[in-house]
C-alpha atoms as a PDB file:
ATOM      1  CA  MET A   1      10.793  -4.684 -15.279  1.00  0.00           C
ATOM      2  CA  ASN A   2       7.577  -4.150 -13.321  1.00  0.00           C
ATOM      3  CA  ARG A   3       6.849  -0.454 -12.683  1.00  0.00           C
ATOM      4  CA  ILE A   4       7.065  -1.059  -8.921  1.00  0.00           C
ATOM      5  CA  ASP A   5      10.640  -2.292  -9.302  1.00  0.00           C
ATOM      6  CA  SER A   6      11.549   0.871 -11.210  1.00  0.00           C
ATOM      7  CA  VAL A   7      10.494   3.024  -8.233  1.00  0.00           C
ATOM      8  CA  PHE A   8      13.196   1.438  -6.101  1.00  0.00           C
ATOM      9  CA  ASP A   9      15.775   1.299  -8.880  1.00  0.00           C
ATOM     10  CA  LYS A  10      16.916   4.871  -8.211  1.00  0.00           C
ATOM     11  CA  SER A  11      19.845   5.008  -5.811  1.00  0.00           C
ATOM     12  CA  GLY A  12      18.962   6.619  -2.500  1.00  0.00           C
ATOM     13  CA  HIS A  13      15.340   7.259  -3.456  1.00  0.00           C
ATOM     14  CA  LYS A  14      12.743   6.822  -0.710  1.00  0.00           C
ATOM     15  CA  ALA A  15       9.271   5.847  -1.872  1.00  0.00           C
ATOM     16  CA  LEU A  16       6.062   7.552  -0.778  1.00  0.00           C
ATOM     17  CA  ILE A  17       3.052   5.247  -1.096  1.00  0.00           C
ATOM     18  CA  ALA A  18      -0.503   6.473  -0.533  1.00  0.00           C
ATOM     19  CA  TYR A  19      -3.595   4.375   0.137  1.00  0.00           C
ATOM     20  CA  VAL A  20      -7.192   5.173  -0.830  1.00  0.00           C
ATOM     21  CA  THR A  21     -10.294   3.011  -0.646  1.00  0.00           C
ATOM     22  CA  ILE A  22     -11.932   2.754  -4.050  1.00  0.00           C
ATOM     23  CA  GLY A  23     -15.386   4.317  -3.942  1.00  0.00           C
ATOM     24  CA  TYR A  24     -14.937   6.276  -0.720  1.00  0.00           C
ATOM     25  CA  PRO A  25     -16.660   8.582  -0.401  1.00  0.00           C
ATOM     26  CA  SER A  26     -17.490   8.061  -4.092  1.00  0.00           C
ATOM     27  CA  ILE A  27     -15.944   6.775  -7.308  1.00  0.00           C
ATOM     28  CA  GLU A  28     -15.670  10.380  -8.482  1.00  0.00           C
ATOM     29  CA  ALA A  29     -13.665  11.252  -5.358  1.00  0.00           C
ATOM     30  CA  THR A  30     -11.256   8.361  -6.036  1.00  0.00           C
ATOM     31  CA  LEU A  31     -10.799   9.517  -9.625  1.00  0.00           C
ATOM     32  CA  ASP A  32     -10.266  13.113  -8.459  1.00  0.00           C
ATOM     33  CA  VAL A  33      -7.739  12.378  -5.726  1.00  0.00           C
ATOM     34  CA  ALA A  34      -5.473   9.868  -7.486  1.00  0.00           C
ATOM     35  CA  PRO A  35      -4.004  12.413  -9.946  1.00  0.00           C
ATOM     36  CA  VAL A  36      -3.497  14.820  -7.026  1.00  0.00           C
ATOM     37  CA  LEU A  37      -1.532  12.128  -5.165  1.00  0.00           C
ATOM     38  CA  ALA A  38       0.668  11.551  -8.216  1.00  0.00           C
ATOM     39  CA  GLU A  39       1.210  15.257  -8.926  1.00  0.00           C
ATOM     40  CA  SER A  40       2.025  15.999  -5.272  1.00  0.00           C
ATOM     41  CA  GLY A  41       4.845  13.470  -5.054  1.00  0.00           C
ATOM     42  CA  CYS A  42       3.520   9.956  -4.482  1.00  0.00           C
ATOM     43  CA  ASP A  43       5.511   7.170  -6.114  1.00  0.00           C
ATOM     44  CA  ILE A  44       2.852   4.443  -5.854  1.00  0.00           C
ATOM     45  CA  ILE A  45      -0.888   4.413  -5.163  1.00  0.00           C
ATOM     46  CA  GLU A  46      -2.496   1.590  -3.205  1.00  0.00           C
ATOM     47  CA  LEU A  47      -6.109   1.061  -4.185  1.00  0.00           C
ATOM     48  CA  GLY A  48      -8.140  -0.609  -1.467  1.00  0.00           C
ATOM     49  CA  ILE A  49     -10.745  -3.136  -2.589  1.00  0.00           C
ATOM     50  CA  PRO A  50     -13.665  -2.810  -0.130  1.00  0.00           C
ATOM     51  CA  PHE A  51     -14.419  -5.959   1.854  1.00  0.00           C
ATOM     52  CA  SER A  52     -17.036  -6.795   4.482  1.00  0.00           C
ATOM     53  CA  ASP A  53     -14.531  -8.134   7.026  1.00  0.00           C
ATOM     54  CA  PRO A  54     -11.342  -6.027   6.758  1.00  0.00           C
ATOM     55  CA  LEU A  55      -9.568  -7.700   9.685  1.00  0.00           C
ATOM     56  CA  ALA A  56      -6.249  -5.814   9.320  1.00  0.00           C
ATOM     57  CA  ASP A  57      -7.840  -2.376   9.134  1.00  0.00           C
ATOM     58  CA  GLY A  58      -8.594   0.154  11.835  1.00  0.00           C
ATOM     59  CA  THR A  59     -11.642   2.357  12.280  1.00  0.00           C
ATOM     60  CA  SER A  60     -11.019   4.848   9.459  1.00  0.00           C
ATOM     61  CA  ILE A  61     -10.456   2.278   6.718  1.00  0.00           C
ATOM     62  CA  GLN A  62     -13.189  -0.026   8.053  1.00  0.00           C
ATOM     63  CA  LYS A  63     -15.639   2.855   7.795  1.00  0.00           C
ATOM     64  CA  ALA A  64     -14.433   3.704   4.292  1.00  0.00           C
ATOM     65  CA  SER A  65     -14.751   0.083   3.203  1.00  0.00           C
ATOM     66  CA  TYR A  66     -18.278  -0.186   4.625  1.00  0.00           C
ATOM     67  CA  HIS A  67     -19.327   3.065   2.954  1.00  0.00           C
ATOM     68  CA  ALA A  68     -17.886   1.944  -0.385  1.00  0.00           C
ATOM     69  CA  LEU A  69     -19.746  -1.365  -0.176  1.00  0.00           C
ATOM     70  CA  GLN A  70     -22.943   0.562   0.549  1.00  0.00           C
ATOM     71  CA  ASN A  71     -22.192   2.508  -2.638  1.00  0.00           C
ATOM     72  CA  GLY A  72     -22.234  -0.784  -4.555  1.00  0.00           C
ATOM     73  CA  ILE A  73     -18.481  -1.059  -5.119  1.00  0.00           C
ATOM     74  CA  THR A  74     -17.458  -4.568  -6.229  1.00  0.00           C
ATOM     75  CA  PRO A  75     -14.147  -6.080  -7.362  1.00  0.00           C
ATOM     76  CA  LYS A  76     -15.362  -5.612 -10.941  1.00  0.00           C
ATOM     77  CA  THR A  77     -15.935  -1.915 -10.230  1.00  0.00           C
ATOM     78  CA  CYS A  78     -12.435  -1.704  -8.737  1.00  0.00           C
ATOM     79  CA  LEU A  79     -10.937  -3.156 -11.912  1.00  0.00           C
ATOM     80  CA  GLU A  80     -12.841  -0.615 -13.997  1.00  0.00           C
ATOM     81  CA  VAL A  81     -11.678   2.263 -11.779  1.00  0.00           C
ATOM     82  CA  ALA A  82      -8.076   1.028 -11.906  1.00  0.00           C
ATOM     83  CA  GLY A  83      -8.257   0.960 -15.689  1.00  0.00           C
ATOM     84  CA  ARG A  84      -9.452   4.555 -15.747  1.00  0.00           C
ATOM     85  CA  LEU A  85      -6.779   5.642 -13.278  1.00  0.00           C
ATOM     86  CA  ASN A  86      -4.060   3.927 -15.291  1.00  0.00           C
ATOM     87  CA  ARG A  87      -4.906   6.294 -18.141  1.00  0.00           C
ATOM     88  CA  MET A  88      -4.808   9.294 -15.784  1.00  0.00           C
ATOM     89  CA  VAL A  89      -1.560   8.743 -13.837  1.00  0.00           C
ATOM     90  CA  ASP A  90       1.821   7.330 -14.790  1.00  0.00           C
ATOM     91  CA  ILE A  91       2.824   5.836 -11.430  1.00  0.00           C
ATOM     92  CA  PRO A  92       2.337   2.205 -10.329  1.00  0.00           C
ATOM     93  CA  LEU A  93      -1.011   1.039  -8.977  1.00  0.00           C
ATOM     94  CA  ILE A  94      -1.312  -1.714  -6.375  1.00  0.00           C
ATOM     95  CA  PHE A  95      -4.515  -3.407  -5.289  1.00  0.00           C
ATOM     96  CA  MET A  96      -4.734  -4.006  -1.550  1.00  0.00           C
ATOM     97  CA  GLY A  97      -7.519  -6.360  -0.603  1.00  0.00           C
ATOM     98  CA  TYR A  98      -8.491  -9.596   1.042  1.00  0.00           C
ATOM     99  CA  PHE A  99      -8.249 -13.038  -0.461  1.00  0.00           C
ATOM    100  CA  ASN A 100     -11.940 -13.981  -0.504  1.00  0.00           C
ATOM    101  CA  PRO A 101     -12.863 -11.692  -3.460  1.00  0.00           C
ATOM    102  CA  VAL A 102      -9.773 -12.925  -5.360  1.00  0.00           C
ATOM    103  CA  LEU A 103     -10.797 -16.536  -4.725  1.00  0.00           C
ATOM    104  CA  TRP A 104     -14.360 -15.833  -5.812  1.00  0.00           C
ATOM    105  CA  HIS A 105     -13.144 -14.143  -8.989  1.00  0.00           C
ATOM    106  CA  GLY A 106     -10.598 -16.911  -9.653  1.00  0.00           C
ATOM    107  CA  ALA A 107      -6.897 -16.262  -9.085  1.00  0.00           C
ATOM    108  CA  GLU A 108      -5.872 -16.679 -12.722  1.00  0.00           C
ATOM    109  CA  LEU A 109      -8.683 -14.537 -14.134  1.00  0.00           C
ATOM    110  CA  PHE A 110      -8.260 -11.903 -11.446  1.00  0.00           C
ATOM    111  CA  CYS A 111      -4.567 -11.497 -12.235  1.00  0.00           C
ATOM    112  CA  LYS A 112      -5.279 -11.320 -15.963  1.00  0.00           C
ATOM    113  CA  ASP A 113      -7.934  -8.671 -15.377  1.00  0.00           C
ATOM    114  CA  CYS A 114      -5.553  -6.733 -13.107  1.00  0.00           C
ATOM    115  CA  ALA A 115      -2.844  -6.744 -15.756  1.00  0.00           C
ATOM    116  CA  ASP A 116      -5.347  -5.652 -18.414  1.00  0.00           C
ATOM    117  CA  ALA A 117      -6.420  -2.768 -16.148  1.00  0.00           C
ATOM    118  CA  GLY A 118      -2.836  -1.609 -15.619  1.00  0.00           C
ATOM    119  CA  VAL A 119      -2.445  -2.799 -12.029  1.00  0.00           C
ATOM    120  CA  ASP A 120       1.172  -3.552 -11.110  1.00  0.00           C
ATOM    121  CA  GLY A 121       0.907  -5.539  -7.898  1.00  0.00           C
ATOM    122  CA  LEU A 122      -1.218  -7.076  -5.156  1.00  0.00           C
ATOM    123  CA  ILE A 123      -1.104  -6.881  -1.368  1.00  0.00           C
ATOM    124  CA  ILE A 124      -3.306  -9.506   0.293  1.00  0.00           C
ATOM    125  CA  PRO A 125      -2.979  -9.095   4.074  1.00  0.00           C
ATOM    126  CA  ASP A 126      -4.798 -12.319   4.975  1.00  0.00           C
ATOM    127  CA  LEU A 127      -2.819 -14.528   2.556  1.00  0.00           C
ATOM    128  CA  PRO A 128       0.228 -16.127   4.242  1.00  0.00           C
ATOM    129  CA  PRO A 129       3.088 -17.184   1.954  1.00  0.00           C
ATOM    130  CA  GLU A 130       2.541 -20.828   2.953  1.00  0.00           C
ATOM    131  CA  GLU A 131      -0.800 -20.665   1.099  1.00  0.00           C
ATOM    132  CA  GLY A 132       0.159 -18.295  -1.709  1.00  0.00           C
ATOM    133  CA  SER A 133       1.614 -20.590  -4.381  1.00  0.00           C
ATOM    134  CA  GLU A 134      -1.424 -20.480  -6.699  1.00  0.00           C
ATOM    135  CA  LEU A 135      -1.653 -16.701  -6.617  1.00  0.00           C
ATOM    136  CA  GLU A 136       2.131 -16.377  -6.924  1.00  0.00           C
ATOM    137  CA  SER A 137       2.033 -18.411 -10.140  1.00  0.00           C
ATOM    138  CA  ALA A 138      -0.812 -16.322 -11.539  1.00  0.00           C
ATOM    139  CA  THR A 139       0.844 -13.006 -10.662  1.00  0.00           C
ATOM    140  CA  GLU A 140       4.129 -14.100 -12.175  1.00  0.00           C
ATOM    141  CA  LYS A 141       2.399 -15.203 -15.367  1.00  0.00           C
ATOM    142  CA  HIS A 142       0.718 -11.807 -15.771  1.00  0.00           C
ATOM    143  CA  GLY A 143       3.647  -9.625 -14.715  1.00  0.00           C
ATOM    144  CA  LEU A 144       2.299  -8.567 -11.310  1.00  0.00           C
ATOM    145  CA  ASN A 145       4.214  -8.300  -8.058  1.00  0.00           C
ATOM    146  CA  LEU A 146       2.721 -10.170  -5.097  1.00  0.00           C
ATOM    147  CA  ILE A 147       3.814  -8.286  -1.987  1.00  0.00           C
ATOM    148  CA  TYR A 148       3.809 -10.039   1.376  1.00  0.00           C
ATOM    149  CA  LEU A 149       3.635  -8.515   4.841  1.00  0.00           C
ATOM    150  CA  LEU A 150       5.756  -8.952   7.954  1.00  0.00           C
ATOM    151  CA  ALA A 151       4.915  -7.878  11.504  1.00  0.00           C
ATOM    152  CA  PRO A 152       7.106  -7.214  14.560  1.00  0.00           C
ATOM    153  CA  THR A 153       6.081 -10.659  15.827  1.00  0.00           C
ATOM    154  CA  SER A 154       7.314 -12.453  12.675  1.00  0.00           C
ATOM    155  CA  THR A 155       9.784 -15.218  13.378  1.00  0.00           C
ATOM    156  CA  GLU A 156      13.115 -15.592  11.608  1.00  0.00           C
ATOM    157  CA  GLU A 157      11.626 -18.514   9.682  1.00  0.00           C
ATOM    158  CA  ARG A 158       8.716 -16.367   8.461  1.00  0.00           C
ATOM    159  CA  ILE A 159      11.038 -13.496   7.528  1.00  0.00           C
ATOM    160  CA  ARG A 160      13.174 -15.851   5.447  1.00  0.00           C
ATOM    161  CA  LEU A 161      10.084 -17.254   3.721  1.00  0.00           C
ATOM    162  CA  VAL A 162       8.707 -13.807   2.869  1.00  0.00           C
ATOM    163  CA  ALA A 163      12.160 -12.700   1.697  1.00  0.00           C
ATOM    164  CA  GLU A 164      12.148 -15.645  -0.700  1.00  0.00           C
ATOM    165  CA  ARG A 165       8.637 -15.080  -2.037  1.00  0.00           C
ATOM    166  CA  SER A 166       7.739 -11.367  -1.919  1.00  0.00           C
ATOM    167  CA  ARG A 167       8.162  -9.371  -5.130  1.00  0.00           C
ATOM    168  CA  GLY A 168       8.538  -5.602  -5.552  1.00  0.00           C
ATOM    169  CA  PHE A 169       9.015  -4.859  -1.878  1.00  0.00           C
ATOM    170  CA  ILE A 170       8.172  -6.234   1.551  1.00  0.00           C
ATOM    171  CA  TYR A 171       5.413  -4.505   3.500  1.00  0.00           C
ATOM    172  CA  LEU A 172       6.497  -4.064   7.126  1.00  0.00           C
ATOM    173  CA  VAL A 173       3.613  -3.602   9.542  1.00  0.00           C
ATOM    174  CA  SER A 174       4.978  -1.163  12.115  1.00  0.00           C
ATOM    175  CA  VAL A 175       2.795  -2.362  14.980  1.00  0.00           C
ATOM    176  CA  THR A 176       1.056  -5.481  16.200  1.00  0.00           C
ATOM    177  CA  GLY A 177      -2.555  -4.651  15.463  1.00  0.00           C
ATOM    178  CA  VAL A 178      -4.621  -2.867  12.842  1.00  0.00           C
ATOM    179  CA  THR A 179      -4.143   0.195  10.665  1.00  0.00           C
ATOM    180  CA  GLY A 180      -4.816   3.667  11.999  1.00  0.00           C
ATOM    181  CA  ALA A 181      -3.099   6.995  12.620  1.00  0.00           C
ATOM    182  CA  ARG A 182      -0.990   7.027  15.786  1.00  0.00           C
ATOM    183  CA  GLU A 183       0.777   9.762  17.734  1.00  0.00           C
ATOM    184  CA  SER A 184       4.190   8.080  17.766  1.00  0.00           C
ATOM    185  CA  LEU A 185       6.142   5.254  16.203  1.00  0.00           C
ATOM    186  CA  PRO A 186       6.782   2.090  18.219  1.00  0.00           C
ATOM    187  CA  ALA A 187      10.018   2.016  20.179  1.00  0.00           C
ATOM    188  CA  ASP A 188      11.106  -1.294  18.665  1.00  0.00           C
ATOM    189  CA  LEU A 189      10.571  -0.289  15.015  1.00  0.00           C
ATOM    190  CA  GLU A 190      14.272   0.297  14.317  1.00  0.00           C
ATOM    191  CA  ALA A 191      15.210  -3.138  15.674  1.00  0.00           C
ATOM    192  CA  PHE A 192      12.423  -4.776  13.644  1.00  0.00           C
ATOM    193  CA  ILE A 193      13.567  -3.153  10.405  1.00  0.00           C
ATOM    194  CA  ALA A 194      17.181  -4.112  11.095  1.00  0.00           C
ATOM    195  CA  ARG A 195      16.146  -7.707  11.739  1.00  0.00           C
ATOM    196  CA  VAL A 196      14.385  -7.923   8.358  1.00  0.00           C
ATOM    197  CA  LYS A 197      17.214  -6.107   6.547  1.00  0.00           C
ATOM    198  CA  SER A 198      19.664  -8.735   7.740  1.00  0.00           C
ATOM    199  CA  LEU A 199      17.654 -11.475   5.995  1.00  0.00           C
ATOM    200  CA  ALA A 200      15.962  -9.807   2.985  1.00  0.00           C
ATOM    201  CA  ALA A 201      17.329  -8.127  -0.136  1.00  0.00           C
ATOM    202  CA  GLN A 202      14.047  -6.502  -1.229  1.00  0.00           C
ATOM    203  CA  PRO A 203      13.174  -2.882  -0.504  1.00  0.00           C
ATOM    204  CA  LEU A 204      11.329  -2.483   2.803  1.00  0.00           C
ATOM    205  CA  CYS A 205       8.300  -0.198   3.093  1.00  0.00           C
ATOM    206  CA  VAL A 206       6.659   0.566   6.412  1.00  0.00           C
ATOM    207  CA  GLY A 207       2.952   1.121   6.973  1.00  0.00           C
ATOM    208  CA  PHE A 208       0.271   1.107   9.707  1.00  0.00           C
ATOM    209  CA  GLY A 209       0.109   4.131  11.979  1.00  0.00           C
ATOM    210  CA  ILE A 210       2.165   6.680  10.028  1.00  0.00           C
ATOM    211  CA  SER A 211       0.334   9.990   9.866  1.00  0.00           C
ATOM    212  CA  THR A 212       2.779  12.917  10.137  1.00  0.00           C
ATOM    213  CA  PRO A 213       5.743  14.224   8.124  1.00  0.00           C
ATOM    214  CA  GLU A 214       8.042  13.721  11.117  1.00  0.00           C
ATOM    215  CA  GLN A 215       7.038  10.058  11.398  1.00  0.00           C
ATOM    216  CA  ALA A 216       7.576   9.621   7.652  1.00  0.00           C
ATOM    217  CA  LYS A 217      11.043  11.144   7.943  1.00  0.00           C
ATOM    218  CA  GLN A 218      11.931   8.809  10.818  1.00  0.00           C
ATOM    219  CA  VAL A 219      10.713   5.757   8.896  1.00  0.00           C
ATOM    220  CA  THR A 220      12.531   6.534   5.653  1.00  0.00           C
ATOM    221  CA  HIS A 221      15.721   7.143   7.612  1.00  0.00           C
ATOM    222  CA  LEU A 222      15.512   3.414   8.404  1.00  0.00           C
ATOM    223  CA  ALA A 223      13.651   1.869   5.458  1.00  0.00           C
ATOM    224  CA  ASP A 224      13.102   2.324   1.708  1.00  0.00           C
ATOM    225  CA  GLY A 225       9.586   3.657   1.721  1.00  0.00           C
ATOM    226  CA  VAL A 226       6.613   4.785   3.778  1.00  0.00           C
ATOM    227  CA  ILE A 227       2.947   3.877   3.350  1.00  0.00           C
ATOM    228  CA  VAL A 228       0.246   6.297   4.509  1.00  0.00           C
ATOM    229  CA  GLY A 229      -3.438   5.421   4.497  1.00  0.00           C
ATOM    230  CA  SER A 230      -5.706   6.262   7.422  1.00  0.00           C
ATOM    231  CA  ARG A 231      -4.777   9.953   7.488  1.00  0.00           C
ATOM    232  CA  ILE A 232      -5.582  10.251   3.777  1.00  0.00           C
ATOM    233  CA  ILE A 233      -8.933   8.538   4.350  1.00  0.00           C
ATOM    234  CA  GLN A 234      -9.671  11.099   7.085  1.00  0.00           C
ATOM    235  CA  LEU A 235      -8.785  13.951   4.744  1.00  0.00           C
ATOM    236  CA  MET A 236     -11.096  12.477   2.090  1.00  0.00           C
ATOM    237  CA  GLU A 237     -14.000  13.282   4.391  1.00  0.00           C
ATOM    238  CA  ALA A 238     -13.620  17.042   3.822  1.00  0.00           C
ATOM    239  CA  GLU A 239     -16.127  18.740   1.526  1.00  0.00           C
ATOM    240  CA  LYS A 240     -13.338  19.549  -0.977  1.00  0.00           C
ATOM    241  CA  PRO A 241     -10.529  17.156  -0.037  1.00  0.00           C
ATOM    242  CA  THR A 242      -8.035  17.567  -2.862  1.00  0.00           C
ATOM    243  CA  ARG A 243      -6.407  20.764  -1.564  1.00  0.00           C
ATOM    244  CA  GLY A 244      -5.826  19.326   1.921  1.00  0.00           C
ATOM    245  CA  ILE A 245      -4.527  16.039   0.527  1.00  0.00           C
ATOM    246  CA  ALA A 246      -2.163  17.813  -1.877  1.00  0.00           C
ATOM    247  CA  SER A 247      -0.751  19.864   0.982  1.00  0.00           C
ATOM    248  CA  PHE A 248      -0.344  16.805   3.201  1.00  0.00           C
ATOM    249  CA  ILE A 249       1.423  14.759   0.504  1.00  0.00           C
ATOM    250  CA  LYS A 250       3.783  17.634  -0.309  1.00  0.00           C
ATOM    251  CA  GLU A 251       4.676  17.907   3.393  1.00  0.00           C
ATOM    252  CA  LEU A 252       5.378  14.168   3.539  1.00  0.00           C
ATOM    253  CA  LYS A 253       7.454  14.344   0.357  1.00  0.00           C
ATOM    254  CA  HIS A 254       9.505  17.246   1.669  1.00  0.00           C
ATOM    255  CA  ALA A 255      10.129  15.384   4.932  1.00  0.00           C
ATOM    256  CA  ILE A 256      11.358  12.156   3.354  1.00  0.00           C
ATOM    257  CA  ASP A 257      13.461  13.998   0.764  1.00  0.00           C
ATOM    258  CA  ASN A 258      15.274  15.833   3.560  1.00  0.00           C
ATOM    259  CA  PRO A 259      16.859  13.071   5.633  1.00  0.00           C
ATOM    260  CA  ILE A 260      17.714  13.188   9.311  1.00  0.00           C
ATOM    261  CA  THR A 261      21.190  14.513   9.875  1.00  0.00           C
ATOM    262  CA  ASN A 262      23.437  13.722  12.815  1.00  0.00           C
ATOM    263  CA  ASN A 263      24.869  16.770  14.512  1.00  0.00           C
END
């Protein structure tokens, strides 16, 4: 069993997934914060591979990606950092990145290198399932989960296709647009999650725009996990970020472990 699958194998457990951009603001910062995320209650860490055209990302992650590229971070560097982190934490690691660097590296070799580094899965936001067969074969061969995304605009046909092909969980994009912290959750989120639940058996994790414990609680009342990224990137900008990030993750963990009750 892939380590991602084991996260969702516990009855009633709601997953907390945190995103960081590798190399932002430095490699040392990435290596410092990942153990803090794990110790504070995260179930999975998403490691962002910096890319020059991060079309699904909002301002905070775009800035982090640009800064990391300026620091000389490459996919090879990301593999090396993942290997180091795999020896430091005992929770699953997922690469989130765009398809161009994977294609340049070679799908088969990239998946082999990911497995060797201890990476458990891939999220490729610009890879539709209709074009994913080569990478699916490579991930399956090397024991990785390839996780597809769905948006509120996804048709029933697309939901069925992703339900057939996604492994580990399905990433539900809460809004039509890019990543970024938002003040409130979209009004149609509950209906969107219910629509996917009716067609998919995989765990459903919701990301894009979740930045407060209350939002996390609302999401995990409806779905199986919550993904938080932009707010963590913002906290990384502090002079000594680990204390603030630890506090934030513990607040999120407390919120999702204490479900909404109906009076």
